[in-house]
């Protein structure tokens, strides 16, 4: 399991590495560059799956185990 993902803001391009929550999907993220509130793209469960270099832990776990992720995306 990879605990960190690097988010890139689609509005200003600011890049920030964050530690992801391990037991839930993160629906909102405040960009530290322009203060935009990021929300997941339509087919994604969280901001890490939409704008990060690594998907969220529930999606990572589902890919390893083959189980259905809690957030039903991926």
Foldseek 3Di string as FASTA:
>chain_A
DDQKWWFADPPPRDIDIDGADQPAAAAWDQDPPPRDIDGADPQDQHRCVRGIPDDHNQVVVCVVVVDQGPRRHD
